Amino acid sequence: MREIEASIVDSFVLVVSLETPDGGKAGMVTEVSRLSAAKMIIEGRAVLANESQKETYMAQQEAARKAAEKLDLTKRIQVAILADPEANSPLPARRNSDSPSARK
């Protein structure tokens, strides 16, 4: 196991799962530590990802990040202040029949 771990250059690597008798699904790409990758390779549960699988995984991660950022932006409340052109004009005087001056 130490030989396999030592042969892996990066501290975190992408592995592709293999089908296993205990229900493991083949083709799932996951980022794991060197130690975990070495253990999974020895146990026959995964292999190192090739360049094509790495690129696909990174593209999916980028798309998921962008979608999460977009969702976060949609949750923010946006307020727009609009100027009313009639807001500065004087209001007409109101006549209220219930006021004391209107009763006279």
PDB file of N, CA and C in Angstrom:
ATOM      1  N   MET A   1       0.834  -1.189   0.000  1.00  0.00           N
ATOM      2  CA  MET A   1       0.000   0.000   0.000  1.00  0.00           C
ATOM      3  C   MET A   1       0.879   1.253   0.000  1.00  0.00           C
ATOM      4  N   ARG A   2       1.965   1.238   0.719  1.00  0.00           N
ATOM      5  CA  ARG A   2       2.856   2.404   0.785  1.00  0.00           C
ATOM      6  C   ARG A   2       3.477   2.701  -0.587  1.00  0.00           C
ATOM      7  N   GLU A   3       3.759   1.658  -1.353  1.00  0.00           N
ATOM      8  CA  GLU A   3       4.324   1.856  -2.689  1.00  0.00           C
ATOM      9  C   GLU A   3       3.334   2.573  -3.599  1.00  0.00           C
ATOM     10  N   ILE A   4       2.086   2.150  -3.536  1.00  0.00           N
ATOM     11  CA  ILE A   4       1.051   2.790  -4.367  1.00  0.00           C
ATOM     12  C   ILE A   4       0.856   4.229  -3.906  1.00  0.00           C
ATOM     13  N   GLU A   5       0.783   4.436  -2.594  1.00  0.00           N
ATOM     14  CA  GLU A   5       0.616   5.794  -2.060  1.00  0.00           C
ATOM     15  C   GLU A   5       1.777   6.684  -2.478  1.00  0.00           C
ATOM     16  N   ALA A   6       3.001   6.154  -2.437  1.00  0.00           N
ATOM     17  CA  ALA A   6       4.187   6.932  -2.807  1.00  0.00           C
ATOM     18  C   ALA A   6       4.211   7.237  -4.305  1.00  0.00           C
ATOM     19  N   SER A   7       3.599   6.385  -5.116  1.00  0.00           N
ATOM     20  CA  SER A   7       3.591   6.619  -6.563  1.00  0.00           C
ATOM     21  C   SER A   7       2.591   7.696  -6.979  1.00  0.00           C
ATOM     22  N   ILE A   8       1.684   8.036  -6.081  1.00  0.00           N
ATOM     23  CA  ILE A   8       0.693   9.090  -6.365  1.00  0.00           C
ATOM     24  C   ILE A   8       1.315  10.430  -6.000  1.00  0.00           C
ATOM     25  N   VAL A   9       1.373  11.330  -6.960  1.00  0.00           N
ATOM     26  CA  VAL A   9       2.061  12.610  -6.774  1.00  0.00           C
ATOM     27  C   VAL A   9       1.236  13.608  -5.960  1.00  0.00           C
ATOM     28  N   ASP A  10      -0.012  13.801  -6.337  1.00  0.00           N
ATOM     29  CA  ASP A  10      -0.851  14.812  -5.684  1.00  0.00           C
ATOM     30  C   ASP A  10      -1.331  14.350  -4.317  1.00  0.00           C
ATOM     31  N   SER A  11      -1.626  15.313  -3.419  1.00  0.00           N
ATOM     32  CA  SER A  11      -2.141  14.936  -2.107  1.00  0.00           C
ATOM     33  C   SER A  11      -3.597  14.496  -2.183  1.00  0.00           C
ATOM     34  N   PHE A  12      -4.339  15.032  -3.149  1.00  0.00           N
ATOM     35  CA  PHE A  12      -5.709  14.593  -3.393  1.00  0.00           C
ATOM     36  C   PHE A  12      -5.808  14.201  -4.859  1.00  0.00           C
ATOM     37  N   VAL A  13      -6.383  13.029  -5.100  1.00  0.00           N
ATOM     38  CA  VAL A  13      -6.458  12.499  -6.461  1.00  0.00           C
ATOM     39  C   VAL A  13      -7.887  12.090  -6.785  1.00  0.00           C
ATOM     40  N   LEU A  14      -8.142  11.943  -8.069  1.00  0.00           N
ATOM     41  CA  LEU A  14      -9.445  11.480  -8.517  1.00  0.00           C
ATOM     42  C   LEU A  14      -9.361   9.985  -8.794  1.00  0.00           C
ATOM     43  N   VAL A  15     -10.314   9.249  -8.248  1.00  0.00           N
ATOM     44  CA  VAL A  15     -10.408   7.817  -8.500  1.00  0.00           C
ATOM     45  C   VAL A  15     -11.767   7.516  -9.108  1.00  0.00           C
ATOM     46  N   VAL A  16     -11.809   6.422  -9.877  1.00  0.00           N
ATOM     47  CA  VAL A  16     -13.055   5.974 -10.495  1.00  0.00           C
ATOM     48  C   VAL A  16     -13.411   4.645  -9.852  1.00  0.00           C
ATOM     49  N   SER A  17     -14.626   4.570  -9.343  1.00  0.00           N
ATOM     50  CA  SER A  17     -15.037   3.354  -8.649  1.00  0.00           C
ATOM     51  C   SER A  17     -15.255   2.207  -9.625  1.00  0.00           C
ATOM     52  N   LEU A  18     -15.070   1.004  -9.091  1.00  0.00           N
ATOM     53  CA  LEU A  18     -15.320  -0.225  -9.834  1.00  0.00           C
ATOM     54  C   LEU A  18     -16.529  -0.910  -9.209  1.00  0.00           C
ATOM     55  N   GLU A  19     -17.202  -1.735  -9.977  1.00  0.00           N
ATOM     56  CA  GLU A  19     -18.334  -2.479  -9.430  1.00  0.00           C
ATOM     57  C   GLU A  19     -17.815  -3.490  -8.416  1.00  0.00           C
ATOM     58  N   THR A  20     -18.481  -3.546  -7.267  1.00  0.00           N
ATOM     59  CA  THR A  20     -18.050  -4.475  -6.220  1.00  0.00           C
ATOM     60  C   THR A  20     -19.225  -5.360  -5.811  1.00  0.00           C
ATOM     61  N   PRO A  21     -18.935  -6.522  -5.245  1.00  0.00           N
ATOM     62  CA  PRO A  21     -20.009  -7.437  -4.833  1.00  0.00           C
ATOM     63  C   PRO A  21     -20.904  -6.859  -3.735  1.00  0.00           C
ATOM     64  N   ASP A  22     -20.396  -5.895  -2.975  1.00  0.00           N
ATOM     65  CA  ASP A  22     -21.196  -5.323  -1.887  1.00  0.00           C
ATOM     66  C   ASP A  22     -22.047  -4.144  -2.334  1.00  0.00           C
ATOM     67  N   GLY A  23     -22.200  -3.964  -3.652  1.00  0.00           N
ATOM     68  CA  GLY A  23     -23.092  -2.932  -4.169  1.00  0.00           C
ATOM     69  C   GLY A  23     -22.420  -1.684  -4.687  1.00  0.00           C
ATOM     70  N   GLY A  24     -21.101  -1.659  -4.748  1.00  0.00           N
ATOM     71  CA  GLY A  24     -20.400  -0.495  -5.276  1.00  0.00           C
ATOM     72  C   GLY A  24     -20.706  -0.293  -6.751  1.00  0.00           C
ATOM     73  N   LYS A  25     -20.983   0.940  -7.131  1.00  0.00           N
ATOM     74  CA  LYS A  25     -21.325   1.254  -8.520  1.00  0.00           C
ATOM     75  C   LYS A  25     -20.075   1.646  -9.293  1.00  0.00           C
ATOM     76  N   ALA A  26     -19.967   1.139 -10.494  1.00  0.00           N
ATOM     77  CA  ALA A  26     -18.816   1.443 -11.342  1.00  0.00           C
ATOM     78  C   ALA A  26     -18.967   2.816 -11.977  1.00  0.00           C
ATOM     79  N   GLY A  27     -17.834   3.503 -12.162  1.00  0.00           N
ATOM     80  CA  GLY A  27     -17.810   4.752 -12.907  1.00  0.00           C
ATOM     81  C   GLY A  27     -17.997   6.022 -12.109  1.00  0.00           C
ATOM     82  N   MET A  28     -18.131   5.938 -10.803  1.00  0.00           N
ATOM     83  CA  MET A  28     -18.293   7.133  -9.982  1.00  0.00           C
ATOM     84  C   MET A  28     -16.917   7.750  -9.721  1.00  0.00           C
ATOM     85  N   VAL A  29     -16.768   9.026 -10.108  1.00  0.00           N
ATOM     86  CA  VAL A  29     -15.488   9.716  -9.906  1.00  0.00           C
ATOM     87  C   VAL A  29     -15.555  10.470  -8.580  1.00  0.00           C
ATOM     88  N   THR A  30     -14.505  10.296  -7.773  1.00  0.00           N
ATOM     89  CA  THR A  30     -14.462  10.912  -6.448  1.00  0.00           C
ATOM     90  C   THR A  30     -13.059  11.423  -6.172  1.00  0.00           C
ATOM     91  N   GLU A  31     -12.987  12.544  -5.464  1.00  0.00           N
ATOM     92  CA  GLU A  31     -11.694  13.087  -5.056  1.00  0.00           C
ATOM     93  C   GLU A  31     -11.389  12.591  -3.646  1.00  0.00           C
ATOM     94  N   VAL A  32     -10.250  11.934  -3.488  1.00  0.00           N
ATOM     95  CA  VAL A  32      -9.874  11.355  -2.195  1.00  0.00           C
ATOM     96  C   VAL A  32      -8.399  11.642  -1.906  1.00  0.00           C
ATOM     97  N   SER A  33      -7.999  11.370  -0.692  1.00  0.00           N
ATOM     98  CA  SER A  33      -6.585  11.535  -0.317  1.00  0.00           C
ATOM     99  C   SER A  33      -5.758  10.409  -0.929  1.00  0.00           C
ATOM    100  N   ARG A  34      -4.446  10.599  -0.932  1.00  0.00           N
ATOM    101  CA  ARG A  34      -3.539   9.560  -1.460  1.00  0.00           C
ATOM    102  C   ARG A  34      -3.717   8.248  -0.719  1.00  0.00           C
ATOM    103  N   LEU A  35      -3.818   8.332   0.593  1.00  0.00           N
ATOM    104  CA  LEU A  35      -3.958   7.124   1.408  1.00  0.00           C
ATOM    105  C   LEU A  35      -5.252   6.381   1.062  1.00  0.00           C
ATOM    106  N   SER A  36      -6.340   7.123   0.971  1.00  0.00           N
ATOM    107  CA  SER A  36      -7.624   6.494   0.618  1.00  0.00           C
ATOM    108  C   SER A  36      -7.574   5.900  -0.780  1.00  0.00           C
ATOM    109  N   ALA A  37      -6.955   6.614  -1.704  1.00  0.00           N
ATOM    110  CA  ALA A  37      -6.840   6.105  -3.075  1.00  0.00           C
ATOM    111  C   ALA A  37      -6.048   4.809  -3.102  1.00  0.00           C
ATOM    112  N   ALA A  38      -4.926   4.782  -2.404  1.00  0.00           N
ATOM    113  CA  ALA A  38      -4.103   3.568  -2.362  1.00  0.00           C
ATOM    114  C   ALA A  38      -4.889   2.404  -1.777  1.00  0.00           C
ATOM    115  N   LYS A  39      -5.617   2.653  -0.713  1.00  0.00           N
ATOM    116  CA  LYS A  39      -6.422   1.612  -0.066  1.00  0.00           C
ATOM    117  C   LYS A  39      -7.501   1.090  -1.017  1.00  0.00           C
ATOM    118  N   MET A  40      -8.191   1.996  -1.705  1.00  0.00           N
ATOM    119  CA  MET A  40      -9.258   1.600  -2.631  1.00  0.00           C
ATOM    120  C   MET A  40      -8.697   0.804  -3.818  1.00  0.00           C
ATOM    121  N   ILE A  41      -7.514   1.185  -4.292  1.00  0.00           N
ATOM    122  CA  ILE A  41      -6.887   0.479  -5.416  1.00  0.00           C
ATOM    123  C   ILE A  41      -6.500  -0.936  -4.990  1.00  0.00           C
ATOM    124  N   ILE A  42      -5.903  -1.085  -3.822  1.00  0.00           N
ATOM    125  CA  ILE A  42      -5.502  -2.401  -3.320  1.00  0.00           C
ATOM    126  C   ILE A  42      -6.714  -3.304  -3.115  1.00  0.00           C
ATOM    127  N   GLU A  43      -7.801  -2.722  -2.590  1.00  0.00           N
ATOM    128  CA  GLU A  43      -9.010  -3.507  -2.333  1.00  0.00           C
ATOM    129  C   GLU A  43      -9.786  -3.814  -3.614  1.00  0.00           C
ATOM    130  N   GLY A  44      -9.373  -3.229  -4.735  1.00  0.00           N
ATOM    131  CA  GLY A  44     -10.058  -3.474  -5.999  1.00  0.00           C
ATOM    132  C   GLY A  44     -11.383  -2.740  -6.117  1.00  0.00           C
ATOM    133  N   ARG A  45     -11.525  -1.654  -5.380  1.00  0.00           N
ATOM    134  CA  ARG A  45     -12.761  -0.869  -5.427  1.00  0.00           C
ATOM    135  C   ARG A  45     -12.660   0.336  -6.345  1.00  0.00           C
ATOM    136  N   ALA A  46     -11.449   0.717  -6.777  1.00  0.00           N
ATOM    137  CA  ALA A  46     -11.287   1.899  -7.616  1.00  0.00           C
ATOM    138  C   ALA A  46      -9.972   1.845  -8.379  1.00  0.00           C
ATOM    139  N   VAL A  47      -9.892   2.691  -9.404  1.00  0.00           N
ATOM    140  CA  VAL A  47      -8.655   2.905 -10.166  1.00  0.00           C
ATOM    141  C   VAL A  47      -8.458   4.408 -10.284  1.00  0.00           C
ATOM    142  N   LEU A  48      -7.241   4.822 -10.577  1.00  0.00           N
ATOM    143  CA  LEU A  48      -6.995   6.257 -10.778  1.00  0.00           C
ATOM    144  C   LEU A  48      -7.726   6.730 -12.028  1.00  0.00           C
ATOM    145  N   ALA A  49      -8.256   7.939 -11.983  1.00  0.00           N
ATOM    146  CA  ALA A  49      -8.980   8.507 -13.117  1.00  0.00           C
ATOM    147  C   ALA A  49      -7.999   8.888 -14.222  1.00  0.00           C
ATOM    148  N   ASN A  50      -8.432   8.710 -15.476  1.00  0.00           N
ATOM    149  CA  ASN A  50      -7.595   9.145 -16.601  1.00  0.00           C
ATOM    150  C   ASN A  50      -7.868  10.630 -16.879  1.00  0.00           C
ATOM    151  N   GLU A  51      -7.153  11.209 -17.818  1.00  0.00           N
ATOM    152  CA  GLU A  51      -7.271  12.655 -18.094  1.00  0.00           C
ATOM    153  C   GLU A  51      -8.680  13.044 -18.532  1.00  0.00           C
ATOM    154  N   SER A  52      -9.295  12.237 -19.355  1.00  0.00           N
ATOM    155  CA  SER A  52     -10.651  12.531 -19.830  1.00  0.00           C
ATOM    156  C   SER A  52     -11.634  12.559 -18.661  1.00  0.00           C
ATOM    157  N   GLN A  53     -11.540  11.595 -17.767  1.00  0.00           N
ATOM    158  CA  GLN A  53     -12.413  11.540 -16.594  1.00  0.00           C
ATOM    159  C   GLN A  53     -12.155  12.717 -15.665  1.00  0.00           C
ATOM    160  N   LYS A  54     -10.892  13.117 -15.543  1.00  0.00           N
ATOM    161  CA  LYS A  54     -10.553  14.277 -14.708  1.00  0.00           C
ATOM    162  C   LYS A  54     -11.179  15.549 -15.260  1.00  0.00           C
ATOM    163  N   GLU A  55     -11.064  15.744 -16.584  1.00  0.00           N
ATOM    164  CA  GLU A  55     -11.621  16.944 -17.212  1.00  0.00           C
ATOM    165  C   GLU A  55     -13.133  16.994 -17.055  1.00  0.00           C
ATOM    166  N   THR A  56     -13.790  15.859 -17.260  1.00  0.00           N
ATOM    167  CA  THR A  56     -15.248  15.794 -17.108  1.00  0.00           C
ATOM    168  C   THR A  56     -15.652  16.118 -15.678  1.00  0.00           C
ATOM    169  N   TYR A  57     -14.941  15.549 -14.715  1.00  0.00           N
ATOM    170  CA  TYR A  57     -15.238  15.791 -13.303  1.00  0.00           C
ATOM    171  C   TYR A  57     -15.069  17.266 -12.954  1.00  0.00           C
ATOM    172  N   MET A  58     -13.976  17.862 -13.405  1.00  0.00           N
ATOM    173  CA  MET A  58     -13.719  19.279 -13.107  1.00  0.00           C
ATOM    174  C   MET A  58     -14.778  20.169 -13.753  1.00  0.00           C
ATOM    175  N   ALA A  59     -15.205  19.836 -14.972  1.00  0.00           N
ATOM    176  CA  ALA A  59     -16.248  20.615 -15.643  1.00  0.00           C
ATOM    177  C   ALA A  59     -17.566  20.508 -14.874  1.00  0.00           C
ATOM    178  N   GLN A  60     -17.884  19.325 -14.380  1.00  0.00           N
ATOM    179  CA  GLN A  60     -19.110  19.142 -13.597  1.00  0.00           C
ATOM    180  C   GLN A  60     -19.039  19.921 -12.288  1.00  0.00           C
ATOM    181  N   GLN A  61     -17.892  19.912 -11.650  1.00  0.00           N
ATOM    182  CA  GLN A  61     -17.727  20.650 -10.402  1.00  0.00           C
ATOM    183  C   GLN A  61     -17.869  22.155 -10.628  1.00  0.00           C
ATOM    184  N   GLU A  62     -17.308  22.642 -11.730  1.00  0.00           N
ATOM    185  CA  GLU A  62     -17.411  24.068 -12.072  1.00  0.00           C
ATOM    186  C   GLU A  62     -18.866  24.450 -12.349  1.00  0.00           C
ATOM    187  N   ALA A  63     -19.577  23.596 -13.086  1.00  0.00           N
ATOM    188  CA  ALA A  63     -20.992  23.861 -13.379  1.00  0.00           C
ATOM    189  C   ALA A  63     -21.810  23.861 -12.095  1.00  0.00           C
ATOM    190  N   ALA A  64     -21.536  22.949 -11.185  1.00  0.00           N
ATOM    191  CA  ALA A  64     -22.252  22.902  -9.913  1.00  0.00           C
ATOM    192  C   ALA A  64     -21.951  24.143  -9.074  1.00  0.00           C
ATOM    193  N   ARG A  65     -20.707  24.609  -9.100  1.00  0.00           N
ATOM    194  CA  ARG A  65     -20.337  25.815  -8.358  1.00  0.00           C
ATOM    195  C   ARG A  65     -21.075  27.032  -8.903  1.00  0.00           C
ATOM    196  N   LYS A  66     -21.117  27.143 -10.230  1.00  0.00           N
ATOM    197  CA  LYS A  66     -21.815  28.274 -10.851  1.00  0.00           C
ATOM    198  C   LYS A  66     -23.310  28.230 -10.546  1.00  0.00           C
ATOM    199  N   ALA A  67     -23.902  27.046 -10.578  1.00  0.00           N
ATOM    200  CA  ALA A  67     -25.331  26.910 -10.270  1.00  0.00           C
ATOM    201  C   ALA A  67     -25.608  27.306  -8.819  1.00  0.00           C
ATOM    202  N   ALA A  68     -24.718  26.923  -7.917  1.00  0.00           N
ATOM    203  CA  ALA A  68     -24.888  27.287  -6.506  1.00  0.00           C
ATOM    204  C   ALA A  68     -24.766  28.795  -6.309  1.00  0.00           C
ATOM    205  N   GLU A  69     -23.827  29.416  -7.005  1.00  0.00           N
ATOM    206  CA  GLU A  69     -23.684  30.874  -6.919  1.00  0.00           C
ATOM    207  C   GLU A  69     -24.912  31.579  -7.471  1.00  0.00           C
ATOM    208  N   LYS A  70     -25.445  31.065  -8.574  1.00  0.00           N
ATOM    209  CA  LYS A  70     -26.638  31.662  -9.180  1.00  0.00           C
ATOM    210  C   LYS A  70     -27.829  31.533  -8.243  1.00  0.00           C
ATOM    211  N   LEU A  71     -27.972  30.380  -7.613  1.00  0.00           N
ATOM    212  CA  LEU A  71     -29.052  30.173  -6.655  1.00  0.00           C
ATOM    213  C   LEU A  71     -28.912  31.121  -5.475  1.00  0.00           C
ATOM    214  N   ASP A  72     -27.692  31.314  -5.015  1.00  0.00           N
ATOM    215  CA  ASP A  72     -27.443  32.228  -3.911  1.00  0.00           C
ATOM    216  C   ASP A  72     -27.841  33.659  -4.290  1.00  0.00           C
ATOM    217  N   LEU A  73     -27.525  34.062  -5.510  1.00  0.00           N
ATOM    218  CA  LEU A  73     -27.890  35.413  -5.960  1.00  0.00           C
ATOM    219  C   LEU A  73     -29.396  35.594  -6.056  1.00  0.00           C
ATOM    220  N   THR A  74     -30.117  34.549  -6.458  1.00  0.00           N
ATOM    221  CA  THR A  74     -31.568  34.670  -6.582  1.00  0.00           C
ATOM    222  C   THR A  74     -32.244  34.765  -5.229  1.00  0.00           C
ATOM    223  N   LYS A  75     -31.575  34.320  -4.170  1.00  0.00           N
ATOM    224  CA  LYS A  75     -32.154  34.396  -2.830  1.00  0.00           C
ATOM    225  C   LYS A  75     -32.040  35.780  -2.225  1.00  0.00           C
ATOM    226  N   ARG A  76     -31.179  36.591  -2.776  1.00  0.00           N
ATOM    227  CA  ARG A  76     -31.010  37.942  -2.246  1.00  0.00           C
ATOM    228  C   ARG A  76     -32.151  38.831  -2.724  1.00  0.00           C
ATOM    229  N   ILE A  77     -32.599  39.681  -1.839  1.00  0.00           N
ATOM    230  CA  ILE A  77     -33.678  40.609  -2.192  1.00  0.00           C
ATOM    231  C   ILE A  77     -33.068  41.841  -2.826  1.00  0.00           C
ATOM    232  N   GLN A  78     -33.650  42.235  -3.949  1.00  0.00           N
ATOM    233  CA  GLN A  78     -33.167  43.426  -4.625  1.00  0.00           C
ATOM    234  C   GLN A  78     -34.243  44.500  -4.528  1.00  0.00           C
ATOM    235  N   VAL A  79     -33.813  45.675  -4.162  1.00  0.00           N
ATOM    236  CA  VAL A  79     -34.732  46.796  -4.010  1.00  0.00           C
ATOM    237  C   VAL A  79     -34.334  47.874  -5.006  1.00  0.00           C
ATOM    238  N   ALA A  80     -35.322  48.374  -5.723  1.00  0.00           N
ATOM    239  CA  ALA A  80     -35.063  49.459  -6.667  1.00  0.00           C
ATOM    240  C   ALA A  80     -35.860  50.681  -6.216  1.00  0.00           C
ATOM    241  N   ILE A  81     -35.211  51.822  -6.162  1.00  0.00           N
ATOM    242  CA  ILE A  81     -35.878  53.065  -5.798  1.00  0.00           C
ATOM    243  C   ILE A  81     -36.154  53.815  -7.090  1.00  0.00           C
ATOM    244  N   LEU A  82     -37.425  54.053  -7.316  1.00  0.00           N
ATOM    245  CA  LEU A  82     -37.848  54.734  -8.535  1.00  0.00           C
ATOM    246  C   LEU A  82     -38.307  56.141  -8.173  1.00  0.00           C
ATOM    247  N   ALA A  83     -37.929  57.095  -8.974  1.00  0.00           N
ATOM    248  CA  ALA A  83     -38.345  58.477  -8.744  1.00  0.00           C
ATOM    249  C   ALA A  83     -39.713  58.692  -9.381  1.00  0.00           C
ATOM    250  N   ASP A  84     -40.635  59.261  -8.599  1.00  0.00           N
ATOM    251  CA  ASP A  84     -41.964  59.571  -9.100  1.00  0.00           C
ATOM    252  C   ASP A  84     -41.955  61.028  -9.544  1.00  0.00           C
ATOM    253  N   PRO A  85     -42.204  61.310 -10.837  1.00  0.00           N
ATOM    254  CA  PRO A  85     -42.154  62.695 -11.304  1.00  0.00           C
ATOM    255  C   PRO A  85     -43.190  63.591 -10.625  1.00  0.00           C
ATOM    256  N   GLU A  86     -44.267  63.011 -10.116  1.00  0.00           N
ATOM    257  CA  GLU A  86     -45.301  63.814  -9.465  1.00  0.00           C
ATOM    258  C   GLU A  86     -45.032  63.990  -7.972  1.00  0.00           C
ATOM    259  N   ALA A  87     -44.010  63.373  -7.449  1.00  0.00           N
ATOM    260  CA  ALA A  87     -43.726  63.441  -6.020  1.00  0.00           C
ATOM    261  C   ALA A  87     -43.335  64.847  -5.586  1.00  0.00           C
ATOM    262  N   ASN A  88     -42.733  65.652  -6.454  1.00  0.00           N
ATOM    263  CA  ASN A  88     -42.290  66.995  -6.092  1.00  0.00           C
ATOM    264  C   ASN A  88     -43.378  68.046  -6.296  1.00  0.00           C
ATOM    265  N   SER A  89     -44.440  67.707  -6.991  1.00  0.00           N
ATOM    266  CA  SER A  89     -45.503  68.689  -7.223  1.00  0.00           C
ATOM    267  C   SER A  89     -46.363  68.797  -5.966  1.00  0.00           C
ATOM    268  N   PRO A  90     -46.874  70.011  -5.676  1.00  0.00           N
ATOM    269  CA  PRO A  90     -47.701  70.188  -4.477  1.00  0.00           C
ATOM    270  C   PRO A  90     -49.017  69.419  -4.619  1.00  0.00           C
ATOM    271  N   LEU A  91     -49.465  68.865  -3.503  1.00  0.00           N
ATOM    272  CA  LEU A  91     -50.720  68.113  -3.499  1.00  0.00           C
ATOM    273  C   LEU A  91     -51.887  69.087  -3.432  1.00  0.00           C
ATOM    274  N   PRO A  92     -52.976  68.763  -4.107  1.00  0.00           N
ATOM    275  CA  PRO A  92     -54.152  69.629  -3.995  1.00  0.00           C
ATOM    276  C   PRO A  92     -54.715  69.560  -2.577  1.00  0.00           C
ATOM    277  N   ALA A  93     -55.258  70.685  -2.090  1.00  0.00           N
ATOM    278  CA  ALA A  93     -55.802  70.736  -0.740  1.00  0.00           C
ATOM    279  C   ALA A  93     -57.004  69.814  -0.663  1.00  0.00           C
ATOM    280  N   ARG A  94     -57.064  69.026   0.389  1.00  0.00           N
ATOM    281  CA  ARG A  94     -58.179  68.097   0.575  1.00  0.00           C
ATOM    282  C   ARG A  94     -59.285  68.784   1.360  1.00  0.00           C
ATOM    283  N   ARG A  95     -60.461  68.511   0.974  1.00  0.00           N
ATOM    284  CA  ARG A  95     -61.607  69.016   1.728  1.00  0.00           C
ATOM    285  C   ARG A  95     -62.276  67.846   2.410  1.00  0.00           C
ATOM    286  N   ASN A  96     -62.363  67.970   3.681  1.00  0.00           N
ATOM    287  CA  ASN A  96     -62.946  66.899   4.463  1.00  0.00           C
ATOM    288  C   ASN A  96     -64.209  67.435   5.109  1.00  0.00           C
ATOM    289  N   SER A  97     -65.311  66.800   4.855  1.00  0.00           N
ATOM    290  CA  SER A  97     -66.576  67.285   5.397  1.00  0.00           C
ATOM    291  C   SER A  97     -66.699  67.074   6.892  1.00  0.00           C
ATOM    292  N   ASP A  98     -65.819  66.241   7.466  1.00  0.00           N
ATOM    293  CA  ASP A  98     -65.874  65.997   8.903  1.00  0.00           C
ATOM    294  C   ASP A  98     -64.999  66.972   9.694  1.00  0.00           C
ATOM    295  N   SER A  99     -64.212  67.806   9.013  1.00  0.00           N
ATOM    296  CA  SER A  99     -63.333  68.704   9.742  1.00  0.00           C
ATOM    297  C   SER A  99     -64.134  69.846  10.334  1.00  0.00           C
ATOM    298  N   PRO A 100     -63.648  70.461  11.414  1.00  0.00           N
ATOM    299  CA  PRO A 100     -64.392  71.537  12.089  1.00  0.00           C
ATOM    300  C   PRO A 100     -64.612  72.742  11.177  1.00  0.00           C
ATOM    301  N   SER A 101     -63.687  73.067  10.307  1.00  0.00           N
ATOM    302  CA  SER A 101     -63.863  74.234   9.447  1.00  0.00           C
ATOM    303  C   SER A 101     -64.884  73.962   8.354  1.00  0.00           C
ATOM    304  N   ALA A 102     -65.119  72.744   8.010  1.00  0.00           N
ATOM    305  CA  ALA A 102     -66.091  72.427   6.971  1.00  0.00           C
ATOM    306  C   ALA A 102     -67.501  72.443   7.534  1.00  0.00           C
ATOM    307  N   ARG A 103     -67.674  72.343   8.854  1.00  0.00           N
ATOM    308  CA  ARG A 103     -68.992  72.312   9.457  1.00  0.00           C
ATOM    309  C   ARG A 103     -69.595  73.695   9.561  1.00  0.00           C
ATOM    310  N   LYS A 104     -68.844  74.729   9.482  1.00  0.00           N
ATOM    311  CA  LYS A 104     -69.347  76.092   9.683  1.00  0.00           C
ATOM    312  C   LYS A 104     -70.128  76.580   8.535  1.00  0.00           C
TER     313      LYS A 104
END
